[in-house]
Amino acid sequence: MADSLGQMPFGAFKGIDIEDIPNKYLEFIIGEKWFITREASLAENIKKELKYRKQWDINIEWEKN
């Protein structure tokens, strides 16, 4: 199993691995300047994850219960 790219440190996805978070949320959070400033390392990993998903046409959606 590959190592995690990190976990979301706050919000609705707090404690969830980046690899398991929906595309739309990752795209949203990476567009927030404060997030990139505050969580630079995590932001870079999110960019890598989104690039990987785009390359392989992977779309993770939020499953609402």
Protein backbone atom coordinates (compact mmCIF):
# COMPACT_ATOMS: atom_id res chain seq x y z
CA MET A 1 0.00 0.00 0.00
CA ALA A 2 1.27 3.46 -0.87
CA ASP A 3 1.85 6.08 1.78
CA SER A 4 -0.83 8.71 2.21
CA LEU A 5 -0.31 12.16 0.72
CA GLY A 6 -1.64 13.57 3.98
CA GLN A 7 -4.92 14.20 5.72
CA MET A 8 -7.21 17.19 5.73
CA PRO A 9 -6.54 19.03 9.00
CA PHE A 10 -9.99 20.69 9.34
CA GLY A 11 -13.53 20.96 8.04
CA ALA A 12 -15.97 18.33 6.82
CA PHE A 13 -13.11 16.07 5.73
CA LYS A 14 -10.94 16.49 8.84
CA GLY A 15 -8.74 13.43 9.34
CA ILE A 16 -9.57 11.98 5.90
CA ASP A 17 -6.75 10.99 3.54
CA ILE A 18 -6.38 13.30 0.54
CA GLU A 19 -6.82 10.28 -1.74
CA ASP A 20 -10.35 9.75 -0.38
CA ILE A 21 -11.63 13.33 -0.63
CA PRO A 22 -13.96 14.27 -3.51
CA ASN A 23 -12.49 16.06 -6.51
CA LYS A 24 -14.77 19.08 -6.16
CA TYR A 25 -13.62 19.77 -2.61
CA LEU A 26 -9.94 19.39 -3.51
CA GLU A 27 -10.41 21.74 -6.45
CA PHE A 28 -12.17 24.23 -4.18
CA ILE A 29 -9.61 24.19 -1.38
CA ILE A 30 -6.62 24.42 -3.73
CA GLY A 31 -8.15 27.63 -5.10
CA GLU A 32 -8.11 29.28 -1.68
CA LYS A 33 -5.06 31.51 -1.25
CA TRP A 34 -5.10 31.25 2.56
CA PHE A 35 -4.96 27.45 2.30
CA ILE A 36 -1.95 27.47 -0.01
CA THR A 37 -0.18 29.87 2.37
CA ARG A 38 -1.11 28.03 5.56
CA GLU A 39 -0.75 24.44 4.27
CA ALA A 40 1.88 24.74 1.51
CA SER A 41 3.11 21.14 1.72
CA LEU A 42 -0.40 19.70 1.77
CA ALA A 43 -1.42 22.00 -1.09
CA GLU A 44 1.40 20.59 -3.22
CA ASN A 45 0.24 17.05 -2.47
CA ILE A 46 -3.33 17.97 -3.40
CA LYS A 47 -2.07 19.32 -6.73
CA LYS A 48 -0.25 16.02 -7.33
CA GLU A 49 -3.39 14.05 -6.48
CA LEU A 50 -5.57 16.14 -8.80
CA LYS A 51 -3.04 15.77 -11.61
CA TYR A 52 -3.03 11.99 -11.11
CA ARG A 53 -6.83 11.87 -11.13
CA LYS A 54 -7.01 13.94 -14.30
CA GLN A 55 -4.44 11.73 -16.01
CA TRP A 56 -6.42 8.57 -15.24
CA ASP A 57 -9.88 10.16 -15.48
CA ILE A 58 -10.69 9.47 -11.82
CA ASN A 59 -13.58 11.34 -10.24
CA ILE A 60 -14.35 10.78 -6.58
CA GLU A 61 -17.74 12.13 -5.60
CA TRP A 62 -19.12 12.92 -2.19
CA GLU A 63 -21.50 10.22 -1.02
CA LYS A 64 -24.24 11.83 1.03
CA ASN A 65 -25.98 9.55 3.49
